[in-house]
PDB file of N, CA and C in Angstrom:
ATOM      1  N   MET A   1      22.274  21.987  50.342  1.00  0.00           N
ATOM      2  CA  MET A   1      22.146  20.547  50.244  1.00  0.00           C
ATOM      3  C   MET A   1      22.698  19.901  51.503  1.00  0.00           C
ATOM      4  N   SER A   2      22.065  18.861  51.887  1.00  0.00           N
ATOM      5  CA  SER A   2      22.550  18.191  53.090  1.00  0.00           C
ATOM      6  C   SER A   2      23.702  17.240  52.734  1.00  0.00           C
ATOM      7  N   LYS A   3      24.397  16.790  53.749  1.00  0.00           N
ATOM      8  CA  LYS A   3      25.525  15.892  53.542  1.00  0.00           C
ATOM      9  C   LYS A   3      25.077  14.571  52.919  1.00  0.00           C
ATOM     10  N   VAL A   4      23.900  14.109  53.314  1.00  0.00           N
ATOM     11  CA  VAL A   4      23.412  12.821  52.810  1.00  0.00           C
ATOM     12  C   VAL A   4      23.177  12.905  51.301  1.00  0.00           C
ATOM     13  N   LEU A   5      22.585  13.995  50.840  1.00  0.00           N
ATOM     14  CA  LEU A   5      22.337  14.138  49.405  1.00  0.00           C
ATOM     15  C   LEU A   5      23.641  14.258  48.623  1.00  0.00           C
ATOM     16  N   LYS A   6      24.628  14.942  49.183  1.00  0.00           N
ATOM     17  CA  LYS A   6      25.923  15.055  48.512  1.00  0.00           C
ATOM     18  C   LYS A   6      26.586  13.690  48.392  1.00  0.00           C
ATOM     19  N   ILE A   7      26.510  12.904  49.445  1.00  0.00           N
ATOM     20  CA  ILE A   7      27.094  11.561  49.417  1.00  0.00           C
ATOM     21  C   ILE A   7      26.361  10.680  48.415  1.00  0.00           C
ATOM     22  N   LEU A   8      25.017  10.751  48.412  1.00  0.00           N
ATOM     23  CA  LEU A   8      24.249   9.962  47.459  1.00  0.00           C
ATOM     24  C   LEU A   8      24.544  10.377  46.022  1.00  0.00           C
ATOM     25  N   LEU A   9      24.718  11.663  45.789  1.00  0.00           N
ATOM     26  CA  LEU A   9      25.049  12.142  44.451  1.00  0.00           C
ATOM     27  C   LEU A   9      26.416  11.624  44.014  1.00  0.00           C
ATOM     28  N   LYS A  10      27.389  11.634  44.909  1.00  0.00           N
ATOM     29  CA  LYS A  10      28.722  11.117  44.579  1.00  0.00           C
ATOM     30  C   LYS A  10      28.666   9.618  44.282  1.00  0.00           C
ATOM     31  N   ILE A  11      27.907   8.878  45.079  1.00  0.00           N
ATOM     32  CA  ILE A  11      27.769   7.440  44.840  1.00  0.00           C
ATOM     33  C   ILE A  11      27.111   7.192  43.484  1.00  0.00           C
ATOM     34  N   PHE A  12      26.051   7.955  43.190  1.00  0.00           N
ATOM     35  CA  PHE A  12      25.370   7.800  41.910  1.00  0.00           C
ATOM     36  C   PHE A  12      26.305   8.107  40.747  1.00  0.00           C
ATOM     37  N   LEU A  13      27.087   9.167  40.853  1.00  0.00           N
ATOM     38  CA  LEU A  13      28.013   9.516  39.777  1.00  0.00           C
ATOM     39  C   LEU A  13      29.094   8.456  39.589  1.00  0.00           C
ATOM     40  N   CYS A  14      29.576   7.896  40.677  1.00  0.00           N
ATOM     41  CA  CYS A  14      30.578   6.825  40.580  1.00  0.00           C
ATOM     42  C   CYS A  14      29.990   5.588  39.906  1.00  0.00           C
ATOM     43  N   VAL A  15      28.794   5.200  40.311  1.00  0.00           N
ATOM     44  CA  VAL A  15      28.147   4.021  39.719  1.00  0.00           C
ATOM     45  C   VAL A  15      27.863   4.273  38.241  1.00  0.00           C
ATOM     46  N   PHE A  16      27.366   5.456  37.904  1.00  0.00           N
ATOM     47  CA  PHE A  16      27.091   5.769  36.506  1.00  0.00           C
ATOM     48  C   PHE A  16      28.385   5.791  35.689  1.00  0.00           C
ATOM     49  N   GLY A  17      29.446   6.326  36.255  1.00  0.00           N
ATOM     50  CA  GLY A  17      30.735   6.342  35.562  1.00  0.00           C
ATOM     51  C   GLY A  17      31.257   4.941  35.299  1.00  0.00           C
ATOM     52  N   LEU A  18      31.160   4.068  36.300  1.00  0.00           N
ATOM     53  CA  LEU A  18      31.591   2.679  36.111  1.00  0.00           C
ATOM     54  C   LEU A  18      30.745   1.981  35.059  1.00  0.00           C
ATOM     55  N   PHE A  19      29.435   2.244  35.073  1.00  0.00           N
ATOM     56  CA  PHE A  19      28.564   1.653  34.061  1.00  0.00           C
ATOM     57  C   PHE A  19      28.948   2.140  32.670  1.00  0.00           C
ATOM     58  N   ALA A  20      29.221   3.436  32.526  1.00  0.00           N
ATOM     59  CA  ALA A  20      29.582   3.994  31.224  1.00  0.00           C
ATOM     60  C   ALA A  20      30.877   3.367  30.706  1.00  0.00           C
ATOM     61  N   VAL A  21      31.860   3.200  31.583  1.00  0.00           N
ATOM     62  CA  VAL A  21      33.131   2.614  31.168  1.00  0.00           C
ATOM     63  C   VAL A  21      32.937   1.163  30.739  1.00  0.00           C
ATOM     64  N   THR A  22      32.212   0.374  31.532  1.00  0.00           N
ATOM     65  CA  THR A  22      32.002  -1.023  31.168  1.00  0.00           C
ATOM     66  C   THR A  22      31.148  -1.149  29.911  1.00  0.00           C
ATOM     67  N   PHE A  23      30.208  -0.230  29.713  1.00  0.00           N
ATOM     68  CA  PHE A  23      29.402  -0.269  28.496  1.00  0.00           C
ATOM     69  C   PHE A  23      30.263   0.014  27.270  1.00  0.00           C
ATOM     70  N   LEU A  24      31.167   0.988  27.362  1.00  0.00           N
ATOM     71  CA  LEU A  24      32.048   1.285  26.238  1.00  0.00           C
ATOM     72  C   LEU A  24      32.986   0.117  25.939  1.00  0.00           C
ATOM     73  N   ILE A  25      33.478  -0.552  26.976  1.00  0.00           N
ATOM     74  CA  ILE A  25      34.324  -1.732  26.771  1.00  0.00           C
ATOM     75  C   ILE A  25      33.543  -2.810  26.046  1.00  0.00           C
ATOM     76  N   TYR A  26      32.289  -3.028  26.445  1.00  0.00           N
ATOM     77  CA  TYR A  26      31.451  -4.045  25.806  1.00  0.00           C
ATOM     78  C   TYR A  26      31.087  -3.626  24.377  1.00  0.00           C
ATOM     79  N   PHE A  27      30.670  -2.379  24.192  1.00  0.00           N
ATOM     80  CA  PHE A  27      30.169  -1.923  22.892  1.00  0.00           C
ATOM     81  C   PHE A  27      31.244  -1.969  21.823  1.00  0.00           C
ATOM     82  N   PHE A  28      32.462  -1.554  22.153  1.00  0.00           N
ATOM     83  CA  PHE A  28      33.541  -1.534  21.177  1.00  0.00           C
ATOM     84  C   PHE A  28      34.392  -2.802  21.209  1.00  0.00           C
ATOM     85  N   ASN A  29      34.004  -3.792  21.998  1.00  0.00           N
ATOM     86  CA  ASN A  29      34.684  -5.086  22.070  1.00  0.00           C
ATOM     87  C   ASN A  29      36.155  -4.911  22.451  1.00  0.00           C
ATOM     88  N   LEU A  30      36.426  -4.001  23.381  1.00  0.00           N
ATOM     89  CA  LEU A  30      37.807  -3.673  23.729  1.00  0.00           C
ATOM     90  C   LEU A  30      38.504  -4.788  24.486  1.00  0.00           C
ATOM     91  N   ASP A  31      37.740  -5.630  25.179  1.00  0.00           N
ATOM     92  CA  ASP A  31      38.386  -6.718  25.910  1.00  0.00           C
ATOM     93  C   ASP A  31      39.019  -7.717  24.949  1.00  0.00           C
ATOM     94  N   MET A  32      38.339  -8.036  23.862  1.00  0.00           N
ATOM     95  CA  MET A  32      38.905  -8.981  22.905  1.00  0.00           C
ATOM     96  C   MET A  32      40.017  -8.340  22.081  1.00  0.00           C
ATOM     97  N   LYS A  33      39.930  -7.035  21.858  1.00  0.00           N
ATOM     98  CA  LYS A  33      41.004  -6.352  21.137  1.00  0.00           C
ATOM     99  C   LYS A  33      42.276  -6.345  21.976  1.00  0.00           C
ATOM    100  N   ALA A  34      42.134  -6.132  23.279  1.00  0.00           N
ATOM    101  CA  ALA A  34      43.302  -6.172  24.161  1.00  0.00           C
ATOM    102  C   ALA A  34      43.861  -7.588  24.237  1.00  0.00           C
ATOM    103  N   THR A  35      42.982  -8.577  24.269  1.00  0.00           N
ATOM    104  CA  THR A  35      43.428  -9.966  24.312  1.00  0.00           C
ATOM    105  C   THR A  35      44.179 -10.338  23.044  1.00  0.00           C
ATOM    106  N   SER A  36      43.697  -9.869  21.894  1.00  0.00           N
ATOM    107  CA  SER A  36      44.385 -10.188  20.640  1.00  0.00           C
ATOM    108  C   SER A  36      45.749  -9.514  20.563  1.00  0.00           C
ATOM    109  N   MET A  37      45.922  -8.390  21.262  1.00  0.00           N
ATOM    110  CA  MET A  37      47.227  -7.733  21.257  1.00  0.00           C
ATOM    111  C   MET A  37      48.252  -8.492  22.101  1.00  0.00           C
ATOM    112  N   ILE A  38      47.808  -9.107  23.203  1.00  0.00           N
ATOM    113  CA  ILE A  38      48.767  -9.816  24.063  1.00  0.00           C
ATOM    114  C   ILE A  38      48.854 -11.305  23.735  1.00  0.00           C
ATOM    115  N   GLU A  39      48.020 -11.770  22.810  1.00  0.00           N
ATOM    116  CA  GLU A  39      48.020 -13.200  22.481  1.00  0.00           C
ATOM    117  C   GLU A  39      49.360 -13.711  21.987  1.00  0.00           C
ATOM    118  N   PRO A  40      50.085 -13.003  21.113  1.00  0.00           N
ATOM    119  CA  PRO A  40      51.393 -13.532  20.676  1.00  0.00           C
ATOM    120  C   PRO A  40      52.368 -13.751  21.836  1.00  0.00           C
ATOM    121  N   PHE A  41      52.358 -12.862  22.826  1.00  0.00           N
ATOM    122  CA  PHE A  41      53.244 -13.028  23.977  1.00  0.00           C
ATOM    123  C   PHE A  41      52.836 -14.244  24.810  1.00  0.00           C
ATOM    124  N   LEU A  42      51.530 -14.442  24.960  1.00  0.00           N
ATOM    125  CA  LEU A  42      51.060 -15.601  25.716  1.00  0.00           C
ATOM    126  C   LEU A  42      51.381 -16.903  24.992  1.00  0.00           C
ATOM    127  N   ILE A  43      51.195 -16.926  23.672  1.00  0.00           N
ATOM    128  CA  ILE A  43      51.501 -18.125  22.896  1.00  0.00           C
ATOM    129  C   ILE A  43      52.981 -18.457  23.005  1.00  0.00           C
ATOM    130  N   LYS A  44      53.820 -17.441  22.880  1.00  0.00           N
ATOM    131  CA  LYS A  44      55.264 -17.666  22.976  1.00  0.00           C
ATOM    132  C   LYS A  44      55.634 -18.205  24.357  1.00  0.00           C
ATOM    133  N   HIS A  45      55.037 -17.638  25.396  1.00  0.00           N
ATOM    134  CA  HIS A  45      55.336 -18.077  26.761  1.00  0.00           C
ATOM    135  C   HIS A  45      54.914 -19.519  26.986  1.00  0.00           C
ATOM    136  N   TYR A  46      53.693 -19.864  26.602  1.00  0.00           N
ATOM    137  CA  TYR A  46      53.188 -21.202  26.887  1.00  0.00           C
ATOM    138  C   TYR A  46      53.746 -22.252  25.940  1.00  0.00           C
ATOM    139  N   ASP A  47      54.195 -21.864  24.756  1.00  0.00           N
ATOM    140  CA  ASP A  47      54.838 -22.833  23.872  1.00  0.00           C
ATOM    141  C   ASP A  47      56.225 -23.211  24.367  1.00  0.00           C
ATOM    142  N   ASN A  48      56.864 -22.334  25.127  1.00  0.00           N
ATOM    143  CA  ASN A  48      58.208 -22.618  25.634  1.00  0.00           C
ATOM    144  C   ASN A  48      58.206 -23.358  26.966  1.00  0.00           C
ATOM    145  N   MET A  49      57.062 -23.578  27.558  1.00  0.00           N
ATOM    146  CA  MET A  49      57.005 -24.284  28.837  1.00  0.00           C
ATOM    147  C   MET A  49      57.279 -25.768  28.635  1.00  0.00           C
ATOM    148  N   GLU A  50      57.992 -26.350  29.590  1.00  0.00           N
ATOM    149  CA  GLU A  50      58.221 -27.786  29.519  1.00  0.00           C
ATOM    150  C   GLU A  50      56.969 -28.510  29.964  1.00  0.00           C
ATOM    151  N   ARG A  51      56.675 -29.607  29.294  1.00  0.00           N
ATOM    152  CA  ARG A  51      55.456 -30.363  29.566  1.00  0.00           C
ATOM    153  C   ARG A  51      55.816 -31.700  30.214  1.00  0.00           C
ATOM    154  N   LYS A  52      54.956 -32.114  31.132  1.00  0.00           N
ATOM    155  CA  LYS A  52      55.092 -33.455  31.696  1.00  0.00           C
ATOM    156  C   LYS A  52      54.339 -34.454  30.825  1.00  0.00           C
ATOM    157  N   TYR A  53      53.223 -33.995  30.283  1.00  0.00           N
ATOM    158  CA  TYR A  53      52.377 -34.867  29.476  1.00  0.00           C
ATOM    159  C   TYR A  53      52.098 -34.183  28.144  1.00  0.00           C
ATOM    160  N   TYR A  54      52.127 -34.938  27.099  1.00  0.00           N
ATOM    161  CA  TYR A  54      51.808 -34.420  25.781  1.00  0.00           C
ATOM    162  C   TYR A  54      50.518 -35.067  25.309  1.00  0.00           C
ATOM    163  N   LEU A  55      49.679 -34.296  24.717  1.00  0.00           N
ATOM    164  CA  LEU A  55      48.406 -34.827  24.216  1.00  0.00           C
ATOM    165  C   LEU A  55      48.575 -35.364  22.822  1.00  0.00           C
TER     166      LEU A  55
END
């Protein structure tokens, strides 16, 4: 195999791997599951901030 084909194969495998990972994140809704896990910490942090204006 030539060097060009080896490089193209590596690029293809990297792109396919990234696609597979992002597809699994989308399919299993992992982004929202991670967000729901850190939400209590974010709520606690932003509730303790001092406000200049209150709605």
